[in-house]
C-alpha atoms as a PDB file:
ATOM      1  CA  MET A   1      -8.881  -0.967  11.480  1.00  0.00           C
ATOM      2  CA  ALA A   2      -6.064  -2.241   9.289  1.00  0.00           C
ATOM      3  CA  ILE A   3      -3.390  -0.429   7.297  1.00  0.00           C
ATOM      4  CA  ILE A   4      -3.287  -2.142   3.919  1.00  0.00           C
ATOM      5  CA  GLY A   5      -0.982  -1.583   0.957  1.00  0.00           C
ATOM      6  CA  ILE A   6      -2.671  -2.150  -2.396  1.00  0.00           C
ATOM      7  CA  VAL A   7      -0.552  -2.251  -5.544  1.00  0.00           C
ATOM      8  CA  ALA A   8      -0.300  -3.715  -9.033  1.00  0.00           C
ATOM      9  CA  ILE A   9       3.180  -4.819 -10.083  1.00  0.00           C
ATOM     10  CA  ASP A  10       4.752  -6.299 -13.201  1.00  0.00           C
ATOM     11  CA  HIS A  11       7.246  -9.180 -13.241  1.00  0.00           C
ATOM     12  CA  ASN A  12      10.024  -6.789 -12.143  1.00  0.00           C
ATOM     13  CA  ASN A  13       8.083  -4.981  -9.370  1.00  0.00           C
ATOM     14  CA  ALA A  14       7.499  -1.994 -11.683  1.00  0.00           C
ATOM     15  CA  ILE A  15       4.553   0.210 -10.754  1.00  0.00           C
ATOM     16  CA  GLY A  16       5.027   3.202 -13.033  1.00  0.00           C
ATOM     17  CA  LYS A  17       6.416   4.695 -16.207  1.00  0.00           C
ATOM     18  CA  ASP A  18       6.597   8.405 -17.049  1.00  0.00           C
ATOM     19  CA  GLY A  19       4.429   9.276 -14.037  1.00  0.00           C
ATOM     20  CA  LYS A  20       1.605   6.940 -15.040  1.00  0.00           C
ATOM     21  CA  LEU A  21       0.355   3.430 -14.496  1.00  0.00           C
ATOM     22  CA  PRO A  22       1.890   1.586 -17.489  1.00  0.00           C
ATOM     23  CA  TRP A  23      -1.109  -0.695 -18.103  1.00  0.00           C
ATOM     24  CA  HIS A  24      -4.891  -0.700 -17.950  1.00  0.00           C
ATOM     25  CA  TYR A  25      -6.840  -3.756 -16.902  1.00  0.00           C
ATOM     26  CA  SER A  26     -10.519  -3.085 -16.267  1.00  0.00           C
ATOM     27  CA  ALA A  27     -10.760  -6.169 -14.008  1.00  0.00           C
ATOM     28  CA  ASP A  28      -8.027  -4.711 -11.784  1.00  0.00           C
ATOM     29  CA  MET A  29      -9.612  -1.236 -11.764  1.00  0.00           C
ATOM     30  CA  LYS A  30     -12.956  -2.769 -10.763  1.00  0.00           C
ATOM     31  CA  PHE A  31     -11.283  -4.863  -8.042  1.00  0.00           C
ATOM     32  CA  PHE A  32      -9.412  -1.788  -6.722  1.00  0.00           C
ATOM     33  CA  LYS A  33     -12.634   0.229  -6.583  1.00  0.00           C
ATOM     34  CA  GLU A  34     -14.608  -2.527  -4.828  1.00  0.00           C
ATOM     35  CA  THR A  35     -11.790  -3.181  -2.346  1.00  0.00           C
ATOM     36  CA  THR A  36     -11.156   0.431  -1.340  1.00  0.00           C
ATOM     37  CA  MET A  37     -14.759   1.731  -1.442  1.00  0.00           C
ATOM     38  CA  GLY A  38     -15.935   3.207   1.853  1.00  0.00           C
ATOM     39  CA  ASN A  39     -12.412   3.360   3.239  1.00  0.00           C
ATOM     40  CA  ILE A  40      -9.559   5.860   3.450  1.00  0.00           C
ATOM     41  CA  VAL A  41      -7.025   6.001   0.610  1.00  0.00           C
ATOM     42  CA  VAL A  42      -3.675   7.713   1.067  1.00  0.00           C
ATOM     43  CA  MET A  43      -1.518   8.715  -1.876  1.00  0.00           C
ATOM     44  CA  GLY A  44       1.363  10.994  -2.680  1.00  0.00           C
ATOM     45  CA  ARG A  45       1.092  14.297  -4.524  1.00  0.00           C
ATOM     46  CA  ARG A  46       2.201  12.815  -7.859  1.00  0.00           C
ATOM     47  CA  THR A  47      -0.388  10.040  -7.665  1.00  0.00           C
ATOM     48  CA  TRP A  48      -3.070  12.603  -6.777  1.00  0.00           C
ATOM     49  CA  LEU A  49      -2.130  14.682  -9.823  1.00  0.00           C
ATOM     50  CA  THR A  50      -2.597  11.671 -12.150  1.00  0.00           C
ATOM     51  CA  LEU A  51      -6.212  11.207 -11.050  1.00  0.00           C
ATOM     52  CA  LYS A  52      -9.093  12.955 -12.780  1.00  0.00           C
ATOM     53  CA  GLY A  53     -10.458  13.878  -9.355  1.00  0.00           C
ATOM     54  CA  PRO A  54     -11.038  12.351  -5.937  1.00  0.00           C
ATOM     55  CA  LEU A  55     -11.840   8.664  -5.734  1.00  0.00           C
ATOM     56  CA  LYS A  56     -15.584   8.567  -5.068  1.00  0.00           C
ATOM     57  CA  ASN A  57     -17.000   7.162  -1.834  1.00  0.00           C
ATOM     58  CA  ARG A  58     -13.586   7.138  -0.181  1.00  0.00           C
ATOM     59  CA  THR A  59     -11.782   9.571   2.098  1.00  0.00           C
ATOM     60  CA  ASN A  60      -8.950  10.867  -0.114  1.00  0.00           C
ATOM     61  CA  VAL A  61      -5.770  11.761   1.769  1.00  0.00           C
ATOM     62  CA  VAL A  62      -2.738  13.232   0.020  1.00  0.00           C
ATOM     63  CA  LEU A  63       0.568  12.907   1.847  1.00  0.00           C
ATOM     64  CA  SER A  64       2.771  15.808   0.798  1.00  0.00           C
ATOM     65  CA  ARG A  65       5.152  18.383   2.237  1.00  0.00           C
ATOM     66  CA  ASP A  66       4.472  20.666  -0.744  1.00  0.00           C
ATOM     67  CA  PRO A  67       2.926  23.866   0.704  1.00  0.00           C
ATOM     68  CA  GLU A  68       1.196  24.509  -2.649  1.00  0.00           C
ATOM     69  CA  ILE A  69      -1.161  21.589  -2.118  1.00  0.00           C
ATOM     70  CA  THR A  70      -3.806  22.180   0.541  1.00  0.00           C
ATOM     71  CA  SER A  71      -6.928  20.472   1.834  1.00  0.00           C
ATOM     72  CA  ASN A  72     -10.233  21.233   0.144  1.00  0.00           C
ATOM     73  CA  ASP A  73     -13.680  19.626  -0.229  1.00  0.00           C
ATOM     74  CA  SER A  74     -12.148  16.713  -2.174  1.00  0.00           C
ATOM     75  CA  ILE A  75      -8.974  15.872  -0.279  1.00  0.00           C
ATOM     76  CA  ILE A  76      -7.336  16.022   3.114  1.00  0.00           C
ATOM     77  CA  VAL A  77      -3.669  16.987   2.859  1.00  0.00           C
ATOM     78  CA  MET A  78      -1.417  15.669   5.594  1.00  0.00           C
ATOM     79  CA  ARG A  79       2.277  16.282   6.044  1.00  0.00           C
ATOM     80  CA  ASP A  80       3.472  13.065   7.751  1.00  0.00           C
ATOM     81  CA  VAL A  81       2.680   9.366   8.134  1.00  0.00           C
ATOM     82  CA  ALA A  82       1.875   9.655  11.857  1.00  0.00           C
ATOM     83  CA  SER A  83      -0.894  12.201  11.140  1.00  0.00           C
ATOM     84  CA  VAL A  84      -2.446   9.923   8.507  1.00  0.00           C
ATOM     85  CA  ILE A  85      -2.397   6.957  10.894  1.00  0.00           C
ATOM     86  CA  GLU A  86      -3.933   9.103  13.643  1.00  0.00           C
ATOM     87  CA  LEU A  87      -6.729  10.166  11.275  1.00  0.00           C
ATOM     88  CA  SER A  88      -7.400   6.555  10.289  1.00  0.00           C
ATOM     89  CA  LYS A  89      -7.711   5.506  13.943  1.00  0.00           C
ATOM     90  CA  LYS A  90     -10.523   8.047  14.394  1.00  0.00           C
ATOM     91  CA  GLN A  91     -12.554   6.597  11.516  1.00  0.00           C
ATOM     92  CA  ASP A  92     -14.233   3.226  11.278  1.00  0.00           C
ATOM     93  CA  ALA A  93     -12.459   2.332   8.039  1.00  0.00           C
ATOM     94  CA  HIS A  94      -9.368   0.642   6.702  1.00  0.00           C
ATOM     95  CA  LEU A  95      -6.473   2.797   5.524  1.00  0.00           C
ATOM     96  CA  PHE A  96      -5.391   1.789   2.014  1.00  0.00           C
ATOM     97  CA  VAL A  97      -1.948   2.955   0.927  1.00  0.00           C
ATOM     98  CA  ILE A  98      -2.296   3.366  -2.860  1.00  0.00           C
ATOM     99  CA  GLY A  99       1.035   4.860  -3.928  1.00  0.00           C
ATOM    100  CA  GLY A 100       3.294   6.037  -5.297  1.00  0.00           C
ATOM    101  CA  ALA A 101       6.641   4.510  -4.505  1.00  0.00           C
ATOM    102  CA  LYS A 102       7.682   7.075  -1.860  1.00  0.00           C
ATOM    103  CA  VAL A 103       4.380   6.705  -0.012  1.00  0.00           C
ATOM    104  CA  TYR A 104       4.606   2.897  -0.062  1.00  0.00           C
ATOM    105  CA  GLU A 105       8.111   3.159   1.330  1.00  0.00           C
ATOM    106  CA  ALA A 106       7.071   5.646   4.032  1.00  0.00           C
ATOM    107  CA  PHE A 107       4.265   3.350   5.235  1.00  0.00           C
ATOM    108  CA  LEU A 108       6.223   0.085   4.910  1.00  0.00           C
ATOM    109  CA  PRO A 109       6.849  -0.332   8.675  1.00  0.00           C
ATOM    110  CA  ASP A 110       3.152   0.247   9.439  1.00  0.00           C
ATOM    111  CA  ILE A 111       1.463  -1.839   6.737  1.00  0.00           C
ATOM    112  CA  GLU A 112      -0.258  -4.886   8.208  1.00  0.00           C
ATOM    113  CA  ARG A 113      -1.496  -6.449   4.968  1.00  0.00           C
ATOM    114  CA  TRP A 114      -0.761  -6.247   1.249  1.00  0.00           C
ATOM    115  CA  VAL A 115      -3.101  -6.741  -1.686  1.00  0.00           C
ATOM    116  CA  VAL A 116      -0.883  -7.310  -4.729  1.00  0.00           C
ATOM    117  CA  THR A 117      -2.157  -7.649  -8.280  1.00  0.00           C
ATOM    118  CA  GLU A 118       0.386  -9.400 -10.483  1.00  0.00           C
ATOM    119  CA  VAL A 119       0.313  -7.956 -13.987  1.00  0.00           C
ATOM    120  CA  PRO A 120       1.532 -10.417 -16.673  1.00  0.00           C
ATOM    121  CA  LEU A 121       4.046  -7.963 -18.188  1.00  0.00           C
ATOM    122  CA  SER A 122       7.600  -6.737 -17.982  1.00  0.00           C
ATOM    123  CA  VAL A 123       7.223  -3.043 -18.717  1.00  0.00           C
ATOM    124  CA  GLU A 124       9.943  -1.734 -21.019  1.00  0.00           C
ATOM    125  CA  GLY A 125      11.352   1.553 -19.705  1.00  0.00           C
ATOM    126  CA  ALA A 126       9.554   1.413 -16.355  1.00  0.00           C
ATOM    127  CA  ASP A 127      10.986   4.010 -13.978  1.00  0.00           C
ATOM    128  CA  THR A 128       9.120   3.464 -10.704  1.00  0.00           C
ATOM    129  CA  PHE A 129       9.369   0.270  -8.684  1.00  0.00           C
ATOM    130  CA  MET A 130       8.284  -1.245  -5.403  1.00  0.00           C
ATOM    131  CA  PRO A 131      11.128  -1.876  -2.964  1.00  0.00           C
ATOM    132  CA  ALA A 132      12.506  -5.358  -3.689  1.00  0.00           C
ATOM    133  CA  ASN A 133      11.903  -6.494  -0.104  1.00  0.00           C
ATOM    134  CA  PHE A 134       8.414  -5.041   0.446  1.00  0.00           C
ATOM    135  CA  LEU A 135       6.907  -8.475   1.138  1.00  0.00           C
ATOM    136  CA  GLU A 136       9.825  -9.709   3.248  1.00  0.00           C
ATOM    137  CA  SER A 137       7.923  -9.908   6.570  1.00  0.00           C
ATOM    138  CA  PHE A 138       4.660 -11.098   5.021  1.00  0.00           C
ATOM    139  CA  GLU A 139       3.096 -14.411   4.114  1.00  0.00           C
ATOM    140  CA  MET A 140       0.433 -15.053   1.495  1.00  0.00           C
ATOM    141  CA  TYR A 141      -2.928 -16.190   2.839  1.00  0.00           C
ATOM    142  CA  GLU A 142      -5.118 -15.984  -0.267  1.00  0.00           C
ATOM    143  CA  LEU A 143      -4.789 -16.131  -4.045  1.00  0.00           C
ATOM    144  CA  ARG A 144      -7.627 -14.898  -6.253  1.00  0.00           C
ATOM    145  CA  GLN A 145      -7.871 -15.009 -10.040  1.00  0.00           C
ATOM    146  CA  LEU A 146      -9.382 -11.734 -11.377  1.00  0.00           C
ATOM    147  CA  ASP A 147      -9.434 -12.895 -14.985  1.00  0.00           C
ATOM    148  CA  GLU A 148      -7.317 -15.237 -17.091  1.00  0.00           C
ATOM    149  CA  ASN A 149      -4.369 -12.812 -17.059  1.00  0.00           C
ATOM    150  CA  LEU A 150      -4.559 -11.291 -13.593  1.00  0.00           C
ATOM    151  CA  ARG A 151      -4.275 -12.709 -10.155  1.00  0.00           C
ATOM    152  CA  VAL A 152      -4.288 -11.018  -6.775  1.00  0.00           C
ATOM    153  CA  LYS A 153      -2.282 -12.221  -3.812  1.00  0.00           C
ATOM    154  CA  PHE A 154      -3.238 -11.271  -0.270  1.00  0.00           C
ATOM    155  CA  TYR A 155      -0.488 -11.099   2.333  1.00  0.00           C
ATOM    156  CA  GLU A 156      -0.438 -10.507   6.065  1.00  0.00           C
ATOM    157  CA  ARG A 157       2.461  -9.578   8.276  1.00  0.00           C
ATOM    158  CA  LYS A 158       4.057 -12.618   9.885  1.00  0.00           C
ATOM    159  CA  PRO A 159       3.672 -12.664  13.662  1.00  0.00           C
ATOM    160  CA  ALA A 160       6.766 -11.453  15.475  1.00  0.00           C
ATOM    161  CA  SER A 161       8.773 -14.533  16.286  1.00  0.00           C
ATOM    162  CA  ASN A 162       8.779 -15.094  19.997  1.00  0.00           C
ATOM    163  CA  SER A 163      11.989 -16.336  21.471  1.00  0.00           C
ATOM    164  CA  HIS A 164      11.986 -19.895  22.687  1.00  0.00           C
ATOM    165  CA  PRO A 165      11.928 -20.569  26.458  1.00  0.00           C
ATOM    166  CA  GLY A 166      15.489 -21.891  26.204  1.00  0.00           C
ATOM    167  CA  ASP A 167      16.611 -18.538  24.778  1.00  0.00           C
ATOM    168  CA  ARG A 168      15.215 -16.720  27.807  1.00  0.00           C
ATOM    169  CA  GLU A 169      16.985 -19.169  30.134  1.00  0.00           C
ATOM    170  CA  ALA A 170      20.283 -18.583  28.362  1.00  0.00           C
ATOM    171  CA  LYS A 171      19.858 -14.815  28.589  1.00  0.00           C
ATOM    172  CA  ARG A 172      18.988 -15.021  32.257  1.00  0.00           C
ATOM    173  CA  GLY A 173      22.086 -17.137  32.835  1.00  0.00           C
ATOM    174  CA  GLU A 174      24.274 -14.541  31.083  1.00  0.00           C
ATOM    175  CA  THR A 175      23.139 -11.687  33.304  1.00  0.00           C
ATOM    176  CA  VAL A 176      23.697 -13.515  36.630  1.00  0.00           C
END
């Protein structure tokens, strides 16, 4: 199954302010719920603490090195990215990376697809941002309008560029 980053960003790639999501769009919340339902969601400790409880009908994984936070009936706590990926391979579900910034960054090399909601704002005083280059190796394959103010872009990782046959010939020639 796929490893998918799902995020809402403003015009400046902001995703947070004062430890919270700096906007509320019910169309985006509904889309997030429908998209992640029945799958695995992985989040950092801070994101977990902002929720009112586990996200229903999803396997909730918290990525944290904090020994104070432990697994219980609601969440599975894992200490590293490799363990989360291993868990996701054992389940017949997608792994959605849902934040925060440190978790997105940790999973960046492994994310195969992105689902990005563009919020029509520039949040004043935002303090948490997506890495500027997070979509660098990706290309958009779908654009969906959620409502008149929100649109979602779907990206997939570009295939690794194969070297041209002439490149291989040149390399072979150099080693002879």
